[in-house]
PDB file of N, CA and C in Angstrom:
ATOM      1  N   MET A   1      56.907  79.432 160.821  1.00  0.00           N
ATOM      2  CA  MET A   1      55.624  79.056 160.259  1.00  0.00           C
ATOM      3  C   MET A   1      55.607  77.549 159.996  1.00  0.00           C
ATOM      4  N   ARG A   2      54.536  76.898 160.429  1.00  0.00           N
ATOM      5  CA  ARG A   2      54.421  75.452 160.233  1.00  0.00           C
ATOM      6  C   ARG A   2      53.854  75.143 158.853  1.00  0.00           C
ATOM      7  N   THR A   3      54.307  74.017 158.330  1.00  0.00           N
ATOM      8  CA  THR A   3      53.736  73.548 157.076  1.00  0.00           C
ATOM      9  C   THR A   3      52.391  72.886 157.365  1.00  0.00           C
ATOM     10  N   GLU A   4      51.626  72.675 156.332  1.00  0.00           N
ATOM     11  CA  GLU A   4      50.333  71.981 156.477  1.00  0.00           C
ATOM     12  C   GLU A   4      50.548  70.579 157.047  1.00  0.00           C
ATOM     13  N   GLU A   5      51.598  69.918 156.608  1.00  0.00           N
ATOM     14  CA  GLU A   5      51.904  68.565 157.109  1.00  0.00           C
ATOM     15  C   GLU A   5      52.206  68.594 158.605  1.00  0.00           C
ATOM     16  N   GLU A   6      53.007  69.549 159.041  1.00  0.00           N
ATOM     17  CA  GLU A   6      53.327  69.666 160.469  1.00  0.00           C
ATOM     18  C   GLU A   6      52.074  69.949 161.290  1.00  0.00           C
ATOM     19  N   ALA A   7      51.224  70.831 160.780  1.00  0.00           N
ATOM     20  CA  ALA A   7      49.981  71.154 161.478  1.00  0.00           C
ATOM     21  C   ALA A   7      49.094  69.921 161.590  1.00  0.00           C
ATOM     22  N   GLN A   8      49.033  69.119 160.534  1.00  0.00           N
ATOM     23  CA  GLN A   8      48.214  67.907 160.544  1.00  0.00           C
ATOM     24  C   GLN A   8      48.750  66.880 161.539  1.00  0.00           C
ATOM     25  N   ILE A   9      50.056  66.739 161.602  1.00  0.00           N
ATOM     26  CA  ILE A   9      50.673  65.804 162.557  1.00  0.00           C
ATOM     27  C   ILE A   9      50.333  66.225 163.988  1.00  0.00           C
ATOM     28  N   CYS A  10      50.485  67.505 164.284  1.00  0.00           N
ATOM     29  CA  CYS A  10      50.189  68.009 165.635  1.00  0.00           C
ATOM     30  C   CYS A  10      48.712  67.822 165.974  1.00  0.00           C
ATOM     31  N   ALA A  11      47.837  68.084 165.021  1.00  0.00           N
ATOM     32  CA  ALA A  11      46.396  67.937 165.253  1.00  0.00           C
ATOM     33  C   ALA A  11      46.022  66.479 165.497  1.00  0.00           C
ATOM     34  N   THR A  12      46.609  65.578 164.721  1.00  0.00           N
ATOM     35  CA  THR A  12      46.304  64.153 164.865  1.00  0.00           C
ATOM     36  C   THR A  12      46.821  63.619 166.200  1.00  0.00           C
ATOM     37  N   PHE A  13      48.031  64.021 166.586  1.00  0.00           N
ATOM     38  CA  PHE A  13      48.574  63.623 167.887  1.00  0.00           C
ATOM     39  C   PHE A  13      47.678  64.132 169.007  1.00  0.00           C
ATOM     40  N   GLY A  14      47.294  65.397 168.924  1.00  0.00           N
ATOM     41  CA  GLY A  14      46.461  66.000 169.962  1.00  0.00           C
ATOM     42  C   GLY A  14      45.131  65.306 170.124  1.00  0.00           C
ATOM     43  N   LYS A  15      44.528  64.949 169.016  1.00  0.00           N
ATOM     44  CA  LYS A  15      43.248  64.242 169.063  1.00  0.00           C
ATOM     45  C   LYS A  15      43.410  62.881 169.740  1.00  0.00           C
ATOM     46  N   HIS A  16      44.498  62.201 169.432  1.00  0.00           N
ATOM     47  CA  HIS A  16      44.777  60.891 170.044  1.00  0.00           C
ATOM     48  C   HIS A  16      44.989  61.036 171.551  1.00  0.00           C
ATOM     49  N   LEU A  17      45.757  62.046 171.951  1.00  0.00           N
ATOM     50  CA  LEU A  17      45.975  62.290 173.382  1.00  0.00           C
ATOM     51  C   LEU A  17      44.645  62.542 174.082  1.00  0.00           C
ATOM     52  N   ALA A  18      43.801  63.353 173.493  1.00  0.00           N
ATOM     53  CA  ALA A  18      42.500  63.658 174.100  1.00  0.00           C
ATOM     54  C   ALA A  18      41.663  62.393 174.243  1.00  0.00           C
ATOM     55  N   GLN A  19      41.692  61.529 173.240  1.00  0.00           N
ATOM     56  CA  GLN A  19      40.921  60.279 173.304  1.00  0.00           C
ATOM     57  C   GLN A  19      41.438  59.385 174.429  1.00  0.00           C
ATOM     58  N   LEU A  20      42.757  59.267 174.545  1.00  0.00           N
ATOM     59  CA  LEU A  20      43.327  58.441 175.622  1.00  0.00           C
ATOM     60  C   LEU A  20      42.965  59.016 176.992  1.00  0.00           C
ATOM     61  N   ARG A  21      43.095  60.319 177.131  1.00  0.00           N
ATOM     62  CA  ARG A  21      42.784  60.975 178.408  1.00  0.00           C
ATOM     63  C   ARG A  21      41.320  60.791 178.779  1.00  0.00           C
ATOM     64  N   LYS A  22      40.445  61.049 177.839  1.00  0.00           N
ATOM     65  CA  LYS A  22      39.005  60.902 178.088  1.00  0.00           C
ATOM     66  C   LYS A  22      38.634  59.447 178.359  1.00  0.00           C
ATOM     67  N   GLY A  23      39.327  58.526 177.695  1.00  0.00           N
ATOM     68  CA  GLY A  23      39.090  57.101 177.921  1.00  0.00           C
ATOM     69  C   GLY A  23      39.373  56.684 179.354  1.00  0.00           C
ATOM     70  N   MET A  24      40.235  57.427 180.007  1.00  0.00           N
ATOM     71  CA  MET A  24      40.540  57.160 181.414  1.00  0.00           C
ATOM     72  C   MET A  24      39.614  57.942 182.336  1.00  0.00           C
ATOM     73  N   GLY A  25      38.735  58.754 181.747  1.00  0.00           N
ATOM     74  CA  GLY A  25      37.816  59.546 182.551  1.00  0.00           C
ATOM     75  C   GLY A  25      38.468  60.767 183.186  1.00  0.00           C
ATOM     76  N   TRP A  26      39.576  61.222 182.604  1.00  0.00           N
ATOM     77  CA  TRP A  26      40.319  62.347 183.163  1.00  0.00           C
ATOM     78  C   TRP A  26      39.992  63.630 182.413  1.00  0.00           C
ATOM     79  N   SER A  27      39.941  64.730 183.138  1.00  0.00           N
ATOM     80  CA  SER A  27      39.823  66.053 182.541  1.00  0.00           C
ATOM     81  C   SER A  27      41.236  66.549 182.209  1.00  0.00           C
ATOM     82  N   GLN A  28      41.296  67.607 181.425  1.00  0.00           N
ATOM     83  CA  GLN A  28      42.596  68.234 181.172  1.00  0.00           C
ATOM     84  C   GLN A  28      43.196  68.722 182.485  1.00  0.00           C
ATOM     85  N   GLU A  29      42.352  69.233 183.348  1.00  0.00           N
ATOM     86  CA  GLU A  29      42.818  69.743 184.644  1.00  0.00           C
ATOM     87  C   GLU A  29      43.468  68.637 185.474  1.00  0.00           C
ATOM     88  N   LYS A  30      42.840  67.465 185.524  1.00  0.00           N
ATOM     89  CA  LYS A  30      43.414  66.349 186.288  1.00  0.00           C
ATOM     90  C   LYS A  30      44.754  65.924 185.704  1.00  0.00           C
ATOM     91  N   LEU A  31      44.821  65.806 184.368  1.00  0.00           N
ATOM     92  CA  LEU A  31      46.087  65.437 183.731  1.00  0.00           C
ATOM     93  C   LEU A  31      47.153  66.482 184.037  1.00  0.00           C
ATOM     94  N   ALA A  32      46.779  67.729 184.000  1.00  0.00           N
ATOM     95  CA  ALA A  32      47.723  68.805 184.304  1.00  0.00           C
ATOM     96  C   ALA A  32      48.236  68.699 185.742  1.00  0.00           C
ATOM     97  N   LEU A  33      47.334  68.534 186.679  1.00  0.00           N
ATOM     98  CA  LEU A  33      47.729  68.442 188.086  1.00  0.00           C
ATOM     99  C   LEU A  33      48.609  67.227 188.355  1.00  0.00           C
ATOM    100  N   GLU A  34      48.241  66.094 187.776  1.00  0.00           N
ATOM    101  CA  GLU A  34      48.993  64.860 188.013  1.00  0.00           C
ATOM    102  C   GLU A  34      50.363  64.857 187.329  1.00  0.00           C
ATOM    103  N   SER A  35      50.457  65.509 186.167  1.00  0.00           N
ATOM    104  CA  SER A  35      51.698  65.482 185.392  1.00  0.00           C
ATOM    105  C   SER A  35      52.629  66.657 185.682  1.00  0.00           C
ATOM    106  N   GLY A  36      52.079  67.733 186.254  1.00  0.00           N
ATOM    107  CA  GLY A  36      52.885  68.922 186.473  1.00  0.00           C
ATOM    108  C   GLY A  36      53.061  69.773 185.221  1.00  0.00           C
ATOM    109  N   ILE A  37      52.241  69.508 184.219  1.00  0.00           N
ATOM    110  CA  ILE A  37      52.265  70.275 182.967  1.00  0.00           C
ATOM    111  C   ILE A  37      51.053  71.203 182.984  1.00  0.00           C
ATOM    112  N   ALA A  38      51.239  72.425 182.569  1.00  0.00           N
ATOM    113  CA  ALA A  38      50.155  73.412 182.598  1.00  0.00           C
ATOM    114  C   ALA A  38      48.948  72.950 181.777  1.00  0.00           C
ATOM    115  N   ARG A  39      47.755  73.179 182.309  1.00  0.00           N
ATOM    116  CA  ARG A  39      46.534  72.795 181.610  1.00  0.00           C
ATOM    117  C   ARG A  39      46.435  73.492 180.254  1.00  0.00           C
ATOM    118  N   SER A  40      46.864  74.723 180.196  1.00  0.00           N
ATOM    119  CA  SER A  40      46.811  75.448 178.922  1.00  0.00           C
ATOM    120  C   SER A  40      47.721  74.803 177.877  1.00  0.00           C
ATOM    121  N   TYR A  41      48.861  74.277 178.305  1.00  0.00           N
ATOM    122  CA  TYR A  41      49.772  73.580 177.393  1.00  0.00           C
ATOM    123  C   TYR A  41      49.102  72.310 176.879  1.00  0.00           C
ATOM    124  N   ILE A  42      48.511  71.537 177.784  1.00  0.00           N
ATOM    125  CA  ILE A  42      47.830  70.301 177.386  1.00  0.00           C
ATOM    126  C   ILE A  42      46.691  70.625 176.427  1.00  0.00           C
ATOM    127  N   GLY A  43      45.936  71.656 176.721  1.00  0.00           N
ATOM    128  CA  GLY A  43      44.849  72.073 175.837  1.00  0.00           C
ATOM    129  C   GLY A  43      45.360  72.448 174.455  1.00  0.00           C
ATOM    130  N   ASP A  44      46.464  73.185 174.413  1.00  0.00           N
ATOM    131  CA  ASP A  44      47.048  73.567 173.123  1.00  0.00           C
ATOM    132  C   ASP A  44      47.536  72.349 172.350  1.00  0.00           C
ATOM    133  N   VAL A  45      48.135  71.384 173.046  1.00  0.00           N
ATOM    134  CA  VAL A  45      48.581  70.152 172.387  1.00  0.00           C
ATOM    135  C   VAL A  45      47.375  69.408 171.817  1.00  0.00           C
ATOM    136  N   GLU A  46      46.325  69.275 172.606  1.00  0.00           N
ATOM    137  CA  GLU A  46      45.141  68.540 172.153  1.00  0.00           C
ATOM    138  C   GLU A  46      44.452  69.224 170.977  1.00  0.00           C
ATOM    139  N   ARG A  47      44.573  70.529 170.875  1.00  0.00           N
ATOM    140  CA  ARG A  47      43.992  71.257 169.742  1.00  0.00           C
ATOM    141  C   ARG A  47      44.953  71.340 168.562  1.00  0.00           C
ATOM    142  N   GLY A  48      46.143  70.762 168.702  1.00  0.00           N
ATOM    143  CA  GLY A  48      47.111  70.764 167.613  1.00  0.00           C
ATOM    144  C   GLY A  48      47.853  72.074 167.450  1.00  0.00           C
ATOM    145  N   LEU A  49      47.831  72.916 168.464  1.00  0.00           N
ATOM    146  CA  LEU A  49      48.476  74.221 168.377  1.00  0.00           C
ATOM    147  C   LEU A  49      49.940  74.198 168.794  1.00  0.00           C
ATOM    148  N   ARG A  50      50.347  73.119 169.459  1.00  0.00           N
ATOM    149  CA  ARG A  50      51.736  72.996 169.919  1.00  0.00           C
ATOM    150  C   ARG A  50      52.347  71.703 169.416  1.00  0.00           C
ATOM    151  N   ASN A  51      53.639  71.771 169.157  1.00  0.00           N
ATOM    152  CA  ASN A  51      54.427  70.587 168.836  1.00  0.00           C
ATOM    153  C   ASN A  51      55.026  70.122 170.159  1.00  0.00           C
ATOM    154  N   ILE A  52      54.433  69.106 170.750  1.00  0.00           N
ATOM    155  CA  ILE A  52      54.800  68.663 172.094  1.00  0.00           C
ATOM    156  C   ILE A  52      56.244  68.164 172.148  1.00  0.00           C
ATOM    157  N   ALA A  53      56.913  68.490 173.234  1.00  0.00           N
ATOM    158  CA  ALA A  53      58.288  68.060 173.458  1.00  0.00           C
ATOM    159  C   ALA A  53      58.316  66.592 173.892  1.00  0.00           C
ATOM    160  N   LEU A  54      59.367  65.910 173.508  1.00  0.00           N
ATOM    161  CA  LEU A  54      59.525  64.500 173.855  1.00  0.00           C
ATOM    162  C   LEU A  54      59.458  64.277 175.361  1.00  0.00           C
ATOM    163  N   VAL A  55      60.071  65.156 176.128  1.00  0.00           N
ATOM    164  CA  VAL A  55      60.044  65.006 177.584  1.00  0.00           C
ATOM    165  C   VAL A  55      58.603  65.063 178.101  1.00  0.00           C
ATOM    166  N   ASN A  56      57.761  65.882 177.482  1.00  0.00           N
ATOM    167  CA  ASN A  56      56.366  65.967 177.913  1.00  0.00           C
ATOM    168  C   ASN A  56      55.553  64.761 177.461  1.00  0.00           C
ATOM    169  N   ILE A  57      55.910  64.171 176.340  1.00  0.00           N
ATOM    170  CA  ILE A  57      55.272  62.916 175.932  1.00  0.00           C
ATOM    171  C   ILE A  57      55.540  61.857 177.000  1.00  0.00           C
ATOM    172  N   CYS A  58      56.785  61.773 177.438  1.00  0.00           N
ATOM    173  CA  CYS A  58      57.141  60.793 178.471  1.00  0.00           C
ATOM    174  C   CYS A  58      56.446  61.090 179.794  1.00  0.00           C
ATOM    175  N   ARG A  59      56.369  62.346 180.164  1.00  0.00           N
ATOM    176  CA  ARG A  59      55.688  62.734 181.409  1.00  0.00           C
ATOM    177  C   ARG A  59      54.214  62.356 181.375  1.00  0.00           C
ATOM    178  N   ILE A  60      53.558  62.662 180.278  1.00  0.00           N
ATOM    179  CA  ILE A  60      52.135  62.348 180.145  1.00  0.00           C
ATOM    180  C   ILE A  60      51.927  60.843 180.150  1.00  0.00           C
ATOM    181  N   ALA A  61      52.763  60.111 179.435  1.00  0.00           N
ATOM    182  CA  ALA A  61      52.646  58.650 179.412  1.00  0.00           C
ATOM    183  C   ALA A  61      52.805  58.078 180.821  1.00  0.00           C
ATOM    184  N   ASP A  62      53.804  58.541 181.541  1.00  0.00           N
ATOM    185  CA  ASP A  62      54.002  58.072 182.917  1.00  0.00           C
ATOM    186  C   ASP A  62      52.781  58.372 183.776  1.00  0.00           C
ATOM    187  N   THR A  63      52.226  59.553 183.611  1.00  0.00           N
ATOM    188  CA  THR A  63      51.059  59.955 184.397  1.00  0.00           C
ATOM    189  C   THR A  63      49.852  59.083 184.076  1.00  0.00           C
ATOM    190  N   LEU A  64      49.662  58.787 182.789  1.00  0.00           N
ATOM    191  CA  LEU A  64      48.535  57.942 182.366  1.00  0.00           C
ATOM    192  C   LEU A  64      48.815  56.451 182.549  1.00  0.00           C
ATOM    193  N   LYS A  65      50.043  56.143 182.986  1.00  0.00           N
ATOM    194  CA  LYS A  65      50.482  54.759 183.209  1.00  0.00           C
ATOM    195  C   LYS A  65      50.389  53.926 181.919  1.00  0.00           C
ATOM    196  N   ILE A  66      50.908  54.543 180.853  1.00  0.00           N
ATOM    197  CA  ILE A  66      51.024  53.863 179.565  1.00  0.00           C
ATOM    198  C   ILE A  66      52.444  54.071 179.062  1.00  0.00           C
ATOM    199  N   GLU A  67      52.831  53.297 178.085  1.00  0.00           N
ATOM    200  CA  GLU A  67      54.141  53.477 177.472  1.00  0.00           C
ATOM    201  C   GLU A  67      54.093  54.679 176.530  1.00  0.00           C
ATOM    202  N   PRO A  68      55.184  55.430 176.422  1.00  0.00           N
ATOM    203  CA  PRO A  68      55.211  56.537 175.474  1.00  0.00           C
ATOM    204  C   PRO A  68      54.849  56.093 174.051  1.00  0.00           C
ATOM    205  N   ALA A  69      55.190  54.880 173.711  1.00  0.00           N
ATOM    206  CA  ALA A  69      54.870  54.351 172.379  1.00  0.00           C
ATOM    207  C   ALA A  69      53.371  54.361 172.107  1.00  0.00           C
ATOM    208  N   GLU A  70      52.568  54.208 173.147  1.00  0.00           N
ATOM    209  CA  GLU A  70      51.115  54.235 172.979  1.00  0.00           C
ATOM    210  C   GLU A  70      50.654  55.611 172.492  1.00  0.00           C
ATOM    211  N   LEU A  71      51.272  56.650 172.993  1.00  0.00           N
ATOM    212  CA  LEU A  71      50.946  57.996 172.531  1.00  0.00           C
ATOM    213  C   LEU A  71      51.383  58.199 171.081  1.00  0.00           C
ATOM    214  N   MET A  72      52.439  57.501 170.687  1.00  0.00           N
ATOM    215  CA  MET A  72      52.960  57.664 169.336  1.00  0.00           C
ATOM    216  C   MET A  72      52.193  56.848 168.290  1.00  0.00           C
ATOM    217  N   LYS A  73      51.189  56.117 168.705  1.00  0.00           N
ATOM    218  CA  LYS A  73      50.359  55.359 167.764  1.00  0.00           C
ATOM    219  C   LYS A  73      49.222  56.213 167.220  1.00  0.00           C
ATOM    220  N   PHE A  74      49.425  57.527 167.200  1.00  0.00           N
ATOM    221  CA  PHE A  74      48.355  58.438 166.797  1.00  0.00           C
ATOM    222  C   PHE A  74      47.973  58.300 165.334  1.00  0.00           C
ATOM    223  N   ARG A  75      48.888  57.918 164.473  1.00  0.00           N
ATOM    224  CA  ARG A  75      48.536  57.742 163.062  1.00  0.00           C
ATOM    225  C   ARG A  75      47.685  56.509 162.863  1.00  0.00           C
ATOM    226  N   GLU A  76      47.983  55.460 163.634  1.00  0.00           N
ATOM    227  CA  GLU A  76      47.159  54.243 163.566  1.00  0.00           C
ATOM    228  C   GLU A  76      45.744  54.557 164.040  1.00  0.00           C
ATOM    229  N   ALA A  77      45.619  55.310 165.121  1.00  0.00           N
ATOM    230  CA  ALA A  77      44.314  55.648 165.676  1.00  0.00           C
ATOM    231  C   ALA A  77      43.517  56.502 164.698  1.00  0.00           C
ATOM    232  N   ALA A  78      44.181  57.368 163.976  1.00  0.00           N
ATOM    233  CA  ALA A  78      43.499  58.253 163.022  1.00  0.00           C
ATOM    234  C   ALA A  78      42.951  57.477 161.834  1.00  0.00           C
ATOM    235  N   SER A  79      43.573  56.351 161.513  1.00  0.00           N
ATOM    236  CA  SER A  79      43.120  55.591 160.347  1.00  0.00           C
ATOM    237  C   SER A  79      41.958  54.650 160.673  1.00  0.00           C
ATOM    238  N   ARG A  80      41.639  54.532 161.939  1.00  0.00           N
ATOM    239  CA  ARG A  80      40.519  53.660 162.333  1.00  0.00           C
ATOM    240  C   ARG A  80      39.189  54.354 162.177  1.00  0.00           C
TER     241      ARG A  80
END
């Protein structure tokens, strides 16, 4: 069972990922196809239902052609 804090972290990360993806004009399906990660997994991450694995953070960053650190700036993005 996740704590409220863990759930909030996952939700905030997911929202940031969705914003970055949409900013590039990509659908979840395109990100899934390009990264080799299941669309349902990406959808669950964006909805805060999954605690994404570090390897998948790196895969998504590589696919979006950004540094993994950019994905980890989700707390900064939430405060804006």
